[in-house]
Amino acid sequence: MAETLVNDARVMSKGQVTIPKNIRTALGVSTGDRVTFIVEGDSVRVVNSAVYAMKKLQQQMKGEAEKAGFLFEEDIAAWITASRREENEE
């Protein structure tokens, strides 16, 4: 089970909040990174934007490999090899 971290921060006059260091570390974010705010009822989750985007993409793409006939990693590797050969022939 994942460790639960609890910390709070003050909202400044412009609506800015400093994310506490232990929370930034847990999210894997540093200076210049982006975070996503997800509001669910009366709660807000703050997540690493890159991780969130990847999870959303994975959800959207679920099942697409099978539809395309890729059932095993070997199928994908063979498709990549064939595609590269076609590109080199051009």
PDB file of N, CA and C in Angstrom:
ATOM      1  N   MET A   1       0.838  -1.177   0.000  1.00  0.00           N
ATOM      2  CA  MET A   1       0.000   0.000   0.000  1.00  0.00           C
ATOM      3  C   MET A   1       0.884   1.241   0.000  1.00  0.00           C
ATOM      4  N   ALA A   2       0.512   2.235  -0.781  1.00  0.00           N
ATOM      5  CA  ALA A   2       1.300   3.454  -0.888  1.00  0.00           C
ATOM      6  C   ALA A   2       1.232   4.242   0.410  1.00  0.00           C
ATOM      7  N   GLU A   3       2.354   4.887   0.708  1.00  0.00           N
ATOM      8  CA  GLU A   3       2.431   5.720   1.901  1.00  0.00           C
ATOM      9  C   GLU A   3       1.553   6.959   1.708  1.00  0.00           C
ATOM     10  N   THR A   4       0.848   7.358   2.741  1.00  0.00           N
ATOM     11  CA  THR A   4       0.026   8.559   2.684  1.00  0.00           C
ATOM     12  C   THR A   4       0.826   9.722   3.235  1.00  0.00           C
ATOM     13  N   LEU A   5       0.953  10.780   2.432  1.00  0.00           N
ATOM     14  CA  LEU A   5       1.633  11.995   2.871  1.00  0.00           C
ATOM     15  C   LEU A   5       0.599  13.080   3.069  1.00  0.00           C
ATOM     16  N   VAL A   6       0.698  13.788   4.161  1.00  0.00           N
ATOM     17  CA  VAL A   6      -0.213  14.892   4.429  1.00  0.00           C
ATOM     18  C   VAL A   6       0.630  16.121   4.740  1.00  0.00           C
ATOM     19  N   ASN A   7       0.325  17.207   4.068  1.00  0.00           N
ATOM     20  CA  ASN A   7       1.025  18.466   4.311  1.00  0.00           C
ATOM     21  C   ASN A   7       0.081  19.560   3.878  1.00  0.00           C
ATOM     22  N   ASP A   8       0.261  20.746   4.397  1.00  0.00           N
ATOM     23  CA  ASP A   8      -0.594  21.837   3.961  1.00  0.00           C
ATOM     24  C   ASP A   8       0.253  23.042   3.583  1.00  0.00           C
ATOM     25  N   ALA A   9      -0.375  23.956   2.863  1.00  0.00           N
ATOM     26  CA  ALA A   9       0.319  25.148   2.392  1.00  0.00           C
ATOM     27  C   ALA A   9      -0.670  26.306   2.382  1.00  0.00           C
ATOM     28  N   ARG A  10      -0.134  27.492   2.474  1.00  0.00           N
ATOM     29  CA  ARG A  10      -0.959  28.696   2.484  1.00  0.00           C
ATOM     30  C   ARG A  10      -1.173  29.194   1.057  1.00  0.00           C
ATOM     31  N   VAL A  11      -2.410  29.590   0.756  1.00  0.00           N
ATOM     32  CA  VAL A  11      -2.724  30.188  -0.540  1.00  0.00           C
ATOM     33  C   VAL A  11      -2.388  31.678  -0.442  1.00  0.00           C
ATOM     34  N   MET A  12      -1.551  32.156  -1.357  1.00  0.00           N
ATOM     35  CA  MET A  12      -1.130  33.556  -1.343  1.00  0.00           C
ATOM     36  C   MET A  12      -2.156  34.414  -2.089  1.00  0.00           C
ATOM     37  N   SER A  13      -1.968  35.728  -2.086  1.00  0.00           N
ATOM     38  CA  SER A  13      -2.955  36.664  -2.635  1.00  0.00           C
ATOM     39  C   SER A  13      -3.256  36.425  -4.113  1.00  0.00           C
ATOM     40  N   LYS A  14      -2.304  35.929  -4.884  1.00  0.00           N
ATOM     41  CA  LYS A  14      -2.518  35.663  -6.307  1.00  0.00           C
ATOM     42  C   LYS A  14      -2.956  34.219  -6.563  1.00  0.00           C
ATOM     43  N   GLY A  15      -3.316  33.493  -5.504  1.00  0.00           N
ATOM     44  CA  GLY A  15      -3.761  32.115  -5.653  1.00  0.00           C
ATOM     45  C   GLY A  15      -2.618  31.117  -5.740  1.00  0.00           C
ATOM     46  N   GLN A  16      -1.392  31.577  -5.517  1.00  0.00           N
ATOM     47  CA  GLN A  16      -0.245  30.684  -5.620  1.00  0.00           C
ATOM     48  C   GLN A  16      -0.052  29.887  -4.343  1.00  0.00           C
ATOM     49  N   VAL A  17       0.412  28.644  -4.530  1.00  0.00           N
ATOM     50  CA  VAL A  17       0.694  27.749  -3.415  1.00  0.00           C
ATOM     51  C   VAL A  17       2.053  27.121  -3.671  1.00  0.00           C
ATOM     52  N   THR A  18       2.884  27.063  -2.664  1.00  0.00           N
ATOM     53  CA  THR A  18       4.152  26.350  -2.788  1.00  0.00           C
ATOM     54  C   THR A  18       3.916  24.900  -2.395  1.00  0.00           C
ATOM     55  N   ILE A  19       4.243  23.981  -3.295  1.00  0.00           N
ATOM     56  CA  ILE A  19       4.087  22.560  -2.989  1.00  0.00           C
ATOM     57  C   ILE A  19       5.225  22.161  -2.056  1.00  0.00           C
ATOM     58  N   PRO A  20       4.915  21.630  -0.885  1.00  0.00           N
ATOM     59  CA  PRO A  20       5.975  21.254   0.059  1.00  0.00           C
ATOM     60  C   PRO A  20       6.956  20.259  -0.566  1.00  0.00           C
ATOM     61  N   LYS A  21       8.218  20.348  -0.121  1.00  0.00           N
ATOM     62  CA  LYS A  21       9.292  19.545  -0.700  1.00  0.00           C
ATOM     63  C   LYS A  21       8.989  18.045  -0.666  1.00  0.00           C
ATOM     64  N   ASN A  22       8.466  17.536   0.444  1.00  0.00           N
ATOM     65  CA  ASN A  22       8.212  16.088   0.511  1.00  0.00           C
ATOM     66  C   ASN A  22       7.138  15.664  -0.488  1.00  0.00           C
ATOM     67  N   ILE A  23       6.202  16.560  -0.773  1.00  0.00           N
ATOM     68  CA  ILE A  23       5.163  16.256  -1.753  1.00  0.00           C
ATOM     69  C   ILE A  23       5.745  16.318  -3.169  1.00  0.00           C
ATOM     70  N   ARG A  24       6.582  17.328  -3.454  1.00  0.00           N
ATOM     71  CA  ARG A  24       7.247  17.415  -4.768  1.00  0.00           C
ATOM     72  C   ARG A  24       8.084  16.170  -5.021  1.00  0.00           C
ATOM     73  N   THR A  25       8.790  15.728  -3.999  1.00  0.00           N
ATOM     74  CA  THR A  25       9.620  14.527  -4.131  1.00  0.00           C
ATOM     75  C   THR A  25       8.754  13.311  -4.422  1.00  0.00           C
ATOM     76  N   ALA A  26       7.651  13.170  -3.700  1.00  0.00           N
ATOM     77  CA  ALA A  26       6.761  12.022  -3.905  1.00  0.00           C
ATOM     78  C   ALA A  26       6.156  12.029  -5.306  1.00  0.00           C
ATOM     79  N   LEU A  27       5.865  13.233  -5.837  1.00  0.00           N
ATOM     80  CA  LEU A  27       5.285  13.346  -7.180  1.00  0.00           C
ATOM     81  C   LEU A  27       6.340  13.262  -8.273  1.00  0.00           C
ATOM     82  N   GLY A  28       7.600  13.405  -7.896  1.00  0.00           N
ATOM     83  CA  GLY A  28       8.668  13.380  -8.897  1.00  0.00           C
ATOM     84  C   GLY A  28       8.697  14.650  -9.726  1.00  0.00           C
ATOM     85  N   VAL A  29       8.347  15.785  -9.128  1.00  0.00           N
ATOM     86  CA  VAL A  29       8.368  17.051  -9.862  1.00  0.00           C
ATOM     87  C   VAL A  29       9.443  17.973  -9.289  1.00  0.00           C
ATOM     88  N   SER A  30       9.990  18.779 -10.170  1.00  0.00           N
ATOM     89  CA  SER A  30      10.997  19.748  -9.757  1.00  0.00           C
ATOM     90  C   SER A  30      10.761  21.040 -10.530  1.00  0.00           C
ATOM     91  N   THR A  31      11.642  21.996 -10.345  1.00  0.00           N
ATOM     92  CA  THR A  31      11.507  23.302 -10.968  1.00  0.00           C
ATOM     93  C   THR A  31      11.257  23.181 -12.464  1.00  0.00           C
ATOM     94  N   GLY A  32      10.217  23.852 -12.943  1.00  0.00           N
ATOM     95  CA  GLY A  32       9.884  23.853 -14.360  1.00  0.00           C
ATOM     96  C   GLY A  32       8.912  22.767 -14.785  1.00  0.00           C
ATOM     97  N   ASP A  33       8.731  21.753 -13.946  1.00  0.00           N
ATOM     98  CA  ASP A  33       7.771  20.693 -14.276  1.00  0.00           C
ATOM     99  C   ASP A  33       6.352  21.219 -14.119  1.00  0.00           C
ATOM    100  N   ARG A  34       5.416  20.506 -14.702  1.00  0.00           N
ATOM    101  CA  ARG A  34       4.006  20.884 -14.608  1.00  0.00           C
ATOM    102  C   ARG A  34       3.265  19.889 -13.732  1.00  0.00           C
ATOM    103  N   VAL A  35       2.244  20.388 -13.044  1.00  0.00           N
ATOM    104  CA  VAL A  35       1.359  19.525 -12.265  1.00  0.00           C
ATOM    105  C   VAL A  35      -0.062  19.738 -12.770  1.00  0.00           C
ATOM    106  N   THR A  36      -0.889  18.726 -12.582  1.00  0.00           N
ATOM    107  CA  THR A  36      -2.288  18.779 -12.985  1.00  0.00           C
ATOM    108  C   THR A  36      -3.148  18.710 -11.732  1.00  0.00           C
ATOM    109  N   PHE A  37      -4.167  19.558 -11.679  1.00  0.00           N
ATOM    110  CA  PHE A  37      -5.106  19.563 -10.559  1.00  0.00           C
ATOM    111  C   PHE A  37      -6.375  18.842 -11.012  1.00  0.00           C
ATOM    112  N   ILE A  38      -6.790  17.852 -10.258  1.00  0.00           N
ATOM    113  CA  ILE A  38      -7.987  17.082 -10.574  1.00  0.00           C
ATOM    114  C   ILE A  38      -8.973  17.279  -9.424  1.00  0.00           C
ATOM    115  N   VAL A  39     -10.102  17.891  -9.739  1.00  0.00           N
ATOM    116  CA  VAL A  39     -11.119  18.154  -8.724  1.00  0.00           C
ATOM    117  C   VAL A  39     -12.158  17.046  -8.782  1.00  0.00           C
ATOM    118  N   GLU A  40     -12.373  16.396  -7.651  1.00  0.00           N
ATOM    119  CA  GLU A  40     -13.364  15.322  -7.520  1.00  0.00           C
ATOM    120  C   GLU A  40     -14.215  15.640  -6.303  1.00  0.00           C
ATOM    121  N   GLY A  41     -15.412  16.164  -6.551  1.00  0.00           N
ATOM    122  CA  GLY A  41     -16.269  16.571  -5.445  1.00  0.00           C
ATOM    123  C   GLY A  41     -15.634  17.722  -4.690  1.00  0.00           C
ATOM    124  N   ASP A  42     -15.413  17.516  -3.399  1.00  0.00           N
ATOM    125  CA  ASP A  42     -14.787  18.573  -2.599  1.00  0.00           C
ATOM    126  C   ASP A  42     -13.308  18.319  -2.343  1.00  0.00           C
ATOM    127  N   SER A  43     -12.713  17.434  -3.137  1.00  0.00           N
ATOM    128  CA  SER A  43     -11.291  17.114  -2.998  1.00  0.00           C
ATOM    129  C   SER A  43     -10.533  17.488  -4.263  1.00  0.00           C
ATOM    130  N   VAL A  44      -9.257  17.784  -4.096  1.00  0.00           N
ATOM    131  CA  VAL A  44      -8.384  18.086  -5.226  1.00  0.00           C
ATOM    132  C   VAL A  44      -7.157  17.188  -5.130  1.00  0.00           C
ATOM    133  N   ARG A  45      -6.836  16.549  -6.244  1.00  0.00           N
ATOM    134  CA  ARG A  45      -5.593  15.774  -6.331  1.00  0.00           C
ATOM    135  C   ARG A  45      -4.617  16.570  -7.176  1.00  0.00           C
ATOM    136  N   VAL A  46      -3.361  16.580  -6.778  1.00  0.00           N
ATOM    137  CA  VAL A  46      -2.301  17.194  -7.561  1.00  0.00           C
ATOM    138  C   VAL A  46      -1.424  16.060  -8.053  1.00  0.00           C
ATOM    139  N   VAL A  47      -1.243  15.968  -9.380  1.00  0.00           N
ATOM    140  CA  VAL A  47      -0.471  14.878  -9.953  1.00  0.00           C
ATOM    141  C   VAL A  47       0.576  15.437 -10.919  1.00  0.00           C
ATOM    142  N   ASN A  48       1.615  14.669 -11.123  1.00  0.00           N
ATOM    143  CA  ASN A  48       2.635  15.002 -12.106  1.00  0.00           C
ATOM    144  C   ASN A  48       1.971  14.977 -13.482  1.00  0.00           C
ATOM    145  N   SER A  49       2.013  16.092 -14.211  1.00  0.00           N
ATOM    146  CA  SER A  49       1.303  16.182 -15.500  1.00  0.00           C
ATOM    147  C   SER A  49       1.789  15.153 -16.507  1.00  0.00           C
ATOM    148  N   ALA A  50       3.092  14.893 -16.559  1.00  0.00           N
ATOM    149  CA  ALA A  50       3.628  13.934 -17.524  1.00  0.00           C
ATOM    150  C   ALA A  50       3.114  12.531 -17.225  1.00  0.00           C
ATOM    151  N   VAL A  51       3.095  12.162 -15.958  1.00  0.00           N
ATOM    152  CA  VAL A  51       2.614  10.838 -15.566  1.00  0.00           C
ATOM    153  C   VAL A  51       1.118  10.735 -15.843  1.00  0.00           C
ATOM    154  N   TYR A  52       0.370  11.786 -15.537  1.00  0.00           N
ATOM    155  CA  TYR A  52      -1.070  11.799 -15.762  1.00  0.00           C
ATOM    156  C   TYR A  52      -1.379  11.655 -17.255  1.00  0.00           C
ATOM    157  N   ALA A  53      -0.665  12.397 -18.096  1.00  0.00           N
ATOM    158  CA  ALA A  53      -0.889  12.329 -19.542  1.00  0.00           C
ATOM    159  C   ALA A  53      -0.600  10.925 -20.071  1.00  0.00           C
ATOM    160  N   MET A  54       0.461  10.306 -19.584  1.00  0.00           N
ATOM    161  CA  MET A  54       0.803   8.957 -20.031  1.00  0.00           C
ATOM    162  C   MET A  54      -0.277   7.957 -19.619  1.00  0.00           C
ATOM    163  N   LYS A  55      -0.789   8.083 -18.409  1.00  0.00           N
ATOM    164  CA  LYS A  55      -1.839   7.174 -17.949  1.00  0.00           C
ATOM    165  C   LYS A  55      -3.112   7.356 -18.778  1.00  0.00           C
ATOM    166  N   LYS A  56      -3.458   8.605 -19.091  1.00  0.00           N
ATOM    167  CA  LYS A  56      -4.643   8.860 -19.918  1.00  0.00           C
ATOM    168  C   LYS A  56      -4.456   8.257 -21.308  1.00  0.00           C
ATOM    169  N   LEU A  57      -3.278   8.414 -21.890  1.00  0.00           N
ATOM    170  CA  LEU A  57      -2.999   7.839 -23.206  1.00  0.00           C
ATOM    171  C   LEU A  57      -3.109   6.320 -23.161  1.00  0.00           C
ATOM    172  N   GLN A  58      -2.550   5.724 -22.126  1.00  0.00           N
ATOM    173  CA  GLN A  58      -2.628   4.268 -21.994  1.00  0.00           C
ATOM    174  C   GLN A  58      -4.075   3.803 -21.891  1.00  0.00           C
ATOM    175  N   GLN A  59      -4.901   4.537 -21.154  1.00  0.00           N
ATOM    176  CA  GLN A  59      -6.317   4.184 -21.037  1.00  0.00           C
ATOM    177  C   GLN A  59      -7.008   4.275 -22.398  1.00  0.00           C
ATOM    178  N   GLN A  60      -6.713   5.342 -23.132  1.00  0.00           N
ATOM    179  CA  GLN A  60      -7.346   5.547 -24.430  1.00  0.00           C
ATOM    180  C   GLN A  60      -6.898   4.511 -25.452  1.00  0.00           C
ATOM    181  N   MET A  61      -5.673   4.047 -25.355  1.00  0.00           N
ATOM    182  CA  MET A  61      -5.120   3.114 -26.324  1.00  0.00           C
ATOM    183  C   MET A  61      -5.358   1.649 -25.949  1.00  0.00           C
ATOM    184  N   LYS A  62      -5.925   1.418 -24.778  1.00  0.00           N
ATOM    185  CA  LYS A  62      -6.138   0.042 -24.322  1.00  0.00           C
ATOM    186  C   LYS A  62      -6.937  -0.746 -25.366  1.00  0.00           C
ATOM    187  N   GLY A  63      -6.406  -1.883 -25.748  1.00  0.00           N
ATOM    188  CA  GLY A  63      -7.078  -2.758 -26.697  1.00  0.00           C
ATOM    189  C   GLY A  63      -6.752  -2.470 -28.157  1.00  0.00           C
ATOM    190  N   GLU A  64      -6.134  -1.342 -28.449  1.00  0.00           N
ATOM    191  CA  GLU A  64      -5.850  -0.976 -29.836  1.00  0.00           C
ATOM    192  C   GLU A  64      -4.792  -1.886 -30.467  1.00  0.00           C
ATOM    193  N   ALA A  65      -3.816  -2.335 -29.679  1.00  0.00           N
ATOM    194  CA  ALA A  65      -2.777  -3.224 -30.221  1.00  0.00           C
ATOM    195  C   ALA A  65      -3.404  -4.536 -30.703  1.00  0.00           C
ATOM    196  N   GLU A  66      -4.306  -5.068 -29.899  1.00  0.00           N
ATOM    197  CA  GLU A  66      -4.960  -6.316 -30.283  1.00  0.00           C
ATOM    198  C   GLU A  66      -5.780  -6.123 -31.557  1.00  0.00           C
ATOM    199  N   LYS A  67      -6.477  -4.981 -31.665  1.00  0.00           N
ATOM    200  CA  LYS A  67      -7.268  -4.697 -32.862  1.00  0.00           C
ATOM    201  C   LYS A  67      -6.389  -4.641 -34.100  1.00  0.00           C
ATOM    202  N   ALA A  68      -5.138  -4.171 -33.922  1.00  0.00           N
ATOM    203  CA  ALA A  68      -4.207  -4.052 -35.043  1.00  0.00           C
ATOM    204  C   ALA A  68      -3.461  -5.358 -35.312  1.00  0.00           C
ATOM    205  N   GLY A  69      -3.726  -6.390 -34.507  1.00  0.00           N
ATOM    206  CA  GLY A  69      -3.099  -7.684 -34.732  1.00  0.00           C
ATOM    207  C   GLY A  69      -1.797  -7.890 -33.973  1.00  0.00           C
ATOM    208  N   PHE A  70      -1.493  -7.006 -33.046  1.00  0.00           N
ATOM    209  CA  PHE A  70      -0.286  -7.148 -32.231  1.00  0.00           C
ATOM    210  C   PHE A  70      -0.658  -7.848 -30.932  1.00  0.00           C
ATOM    211  N   LEU A  71      -0.381  -9.140 -30.870  1.00  0.00           N
ATOM    212  CA  LEU A  71      -0.739  -9.905 -29.682  1.00  0.00           C
ATOM    213  C   LEU A  71       0.444 -10.130 -28.757  1.00  0.00           C
ATOM    214  N   PHE A  72       1.659 -10.073 -29.320  1.00  0.00           N
ATOM    215  CA  PHE A  72       2.863 -10.319 -28.541  1.00  0.00           C
ATOM    216  C   PHE A  72       3.898  -9.245 -28.871  1.00  0.00           C
ATOM    217  N   GLU A  73       4.862  -9.063 -27.975  1.00  0.00           N
ATOM    218  CA  GLU A  73       5.931  -8.092 -28.227  1.00  0.00           C
ATOM    219  C   GLU A  73       6.676  -8.420 -29.512  1.00  0.00           C
ATOM    220  N   GLU A  74       6.779  -9.698 -29.820  1.00  0.00           N
ATOM    221  CA  GLU A  74       7.465 -10.118 -31.036  1.00  0.00           C
ATOM    222  C   GLU A  74       6.751  -9.588 -32.281  1.00  0.00           C
ATOM    223  N   ASP A  75       5.414  -9.501 -32.221  1.00  0.00           N
ATOM    224  CA  ASP A  75       4.637  -8.958 -33.337  1.00  0.00           C
ATOM    225  C   ASP A  75       5.012  -7.502 -33.589  1.00  0.00           C
ATOM    226  N   ILE A  76       5.170  -6.755 -32.519  1.00  0.00           N
ATOM    227  CA  ILE A  76       5.531  -5.342 -32.639  1.00  0.00           C
ATOM    228  C   ILE A  76       6.952  -5.213 -33.171  1.00  0.00           C
ATOM    229  N   ALA A  77       7.864  -6.029 -32.651  1.00  0.00           N
ATOM    230  CA  ALA A  77       9.252  -5.985 -33.110  1.00  0.00           C
ATOM    231  C   ALA A  77       9.335  -6.310 -34.603  1.00  0.00           C
ATOM    232  N   ALA A  78       8.581  -7.294 -35.046  1.00  0.00           N
ATOM    233  CA  ALA A  78       8.574  -7.662 -36.464  1.00  0.00           C
ATOM    234  C   ALA A  78       8.020  -6.522 -37.312  1.00  0.00           C
ATOM    235  N   TRP A  79       6.974  -5.871 -36.852  1.00  0.00           N
ATOM    236  CA  TRP A  79       6.392  -4.736 -37.580  1.00  0.00           C
ATOM    237  C   TRP A  79       7.390  -3.581 -37.696  1.00  0.00           C
ATOM    238  N   ILE A  80       8.101  -3.300 -36.600  1.00  0.00           N
ATOM    239  CA  ILE A  80       9.116  -2.235 -36.620  1.00  0.00           C
ATOM    240  C   ILE A  80      10.215  -2.580 -37.617  1.00  0.00           C
ATOM    241  N   THR A  81      10.694  -3.819 -37.591  1.00  0.00           N
ATOM    242  CA  THR A  81      11.745  -4.253 -38.518  1.00  0.00           C
ATOM    243  C   THR A  81      11.290  -4.112 -39.960  1.00  0.00           C
ATOM    244  N   ALA A  82      10.085  -4.554 -40.237  1.00  0.00           N
ATOM    245  CA  ALA A  82       9.559  -4.459 -41.600  1.00  0.00           C
ATOM    246  C   ALA A  82       9.396  -3.000 -42.031  1.00  0.00           C
ATOM    247  N   SER A  83       8.940  -2.158 -41.133  1.00  0.00           N
ATOM    248  CA  SER A  83       8.769  -0.734 -41.450  1.00  0.00           C
ATOM    249  C   SER A  83      10.103  -0.077 -41.753  1.00  0.00           C
ATOM    250  N   ARG A  84      11.125  -0.423 -40.985  1.00  0.00           N
ATOM    251  CA  ARG A  84      12.457   0.150 -41.212  1.00  0.00           C
ATOM    252  C   ARG A  84      13.019  -0.315 -42.552  1.00  0.00           C
ATOM    253  N   ARG A  85      12.778  -1.568 -42.900  1.00  0.00           N
ATOM    254  CA  ARG A  85      13.250  -2.073 -44.185  1.00  0.00           C
ATOM    255  C   ARG A  85      12.585  -1.314 -45.340  1.00  0.00           C
ATOM    256  N   GLU A  86      11.280  -1.081 -45.215  1.00  0.00           N
ATOM    257  CA  GLU A  86      10.547  -0.323 -46.244  1.00  0.00           C
ATOM    258  C   GLU A  86      11.098   1.080 -46.370  1.00  0.00           C
ATOM    259  N   GLU A  87      11.389   1.731 -45.240  1.00  0.00           N
ATOM    260  CA  GLU A  87      11.949   3.090 -45.280  1.00  0.00           C
ATOM    261  C   GLU A  87      13.310   3.120 -45.942  1.00  0.00           C
ATOM    262  N   ASN A  88      14.136   2.108 -45.679  1.00  0.00           N
ATOM    263  CA  ASN A  88      15.465   2.063 -46.274  1.00  0.00           C
ATOM    264  C   ASN A  88      15.436   1.779 -47.769  1.00  0.00           C
ATOM    265  N   GLU A  89      14.374   1.111 -48.241  1.00  0.00           N
ATOM    266  CA  GLU A  89      14.245   0.807 -49.660  1.00  0.00           C
ATOM    267  C   GLU A  89      13.851   2.034 -50.460  1.00  0.00           C
ATOM    268  N   GLU A  90      13.236   2.997 -49.810  1.00  0.00           N
ATOM    269  CA  GLU A  90      12.745   4.203 -50.499  1.00  0.00           C
ATOM    270  C   GLU A  90      13.843   5.141 -50.864  1.00  0.00           C
TER     271      GLU A  90
END
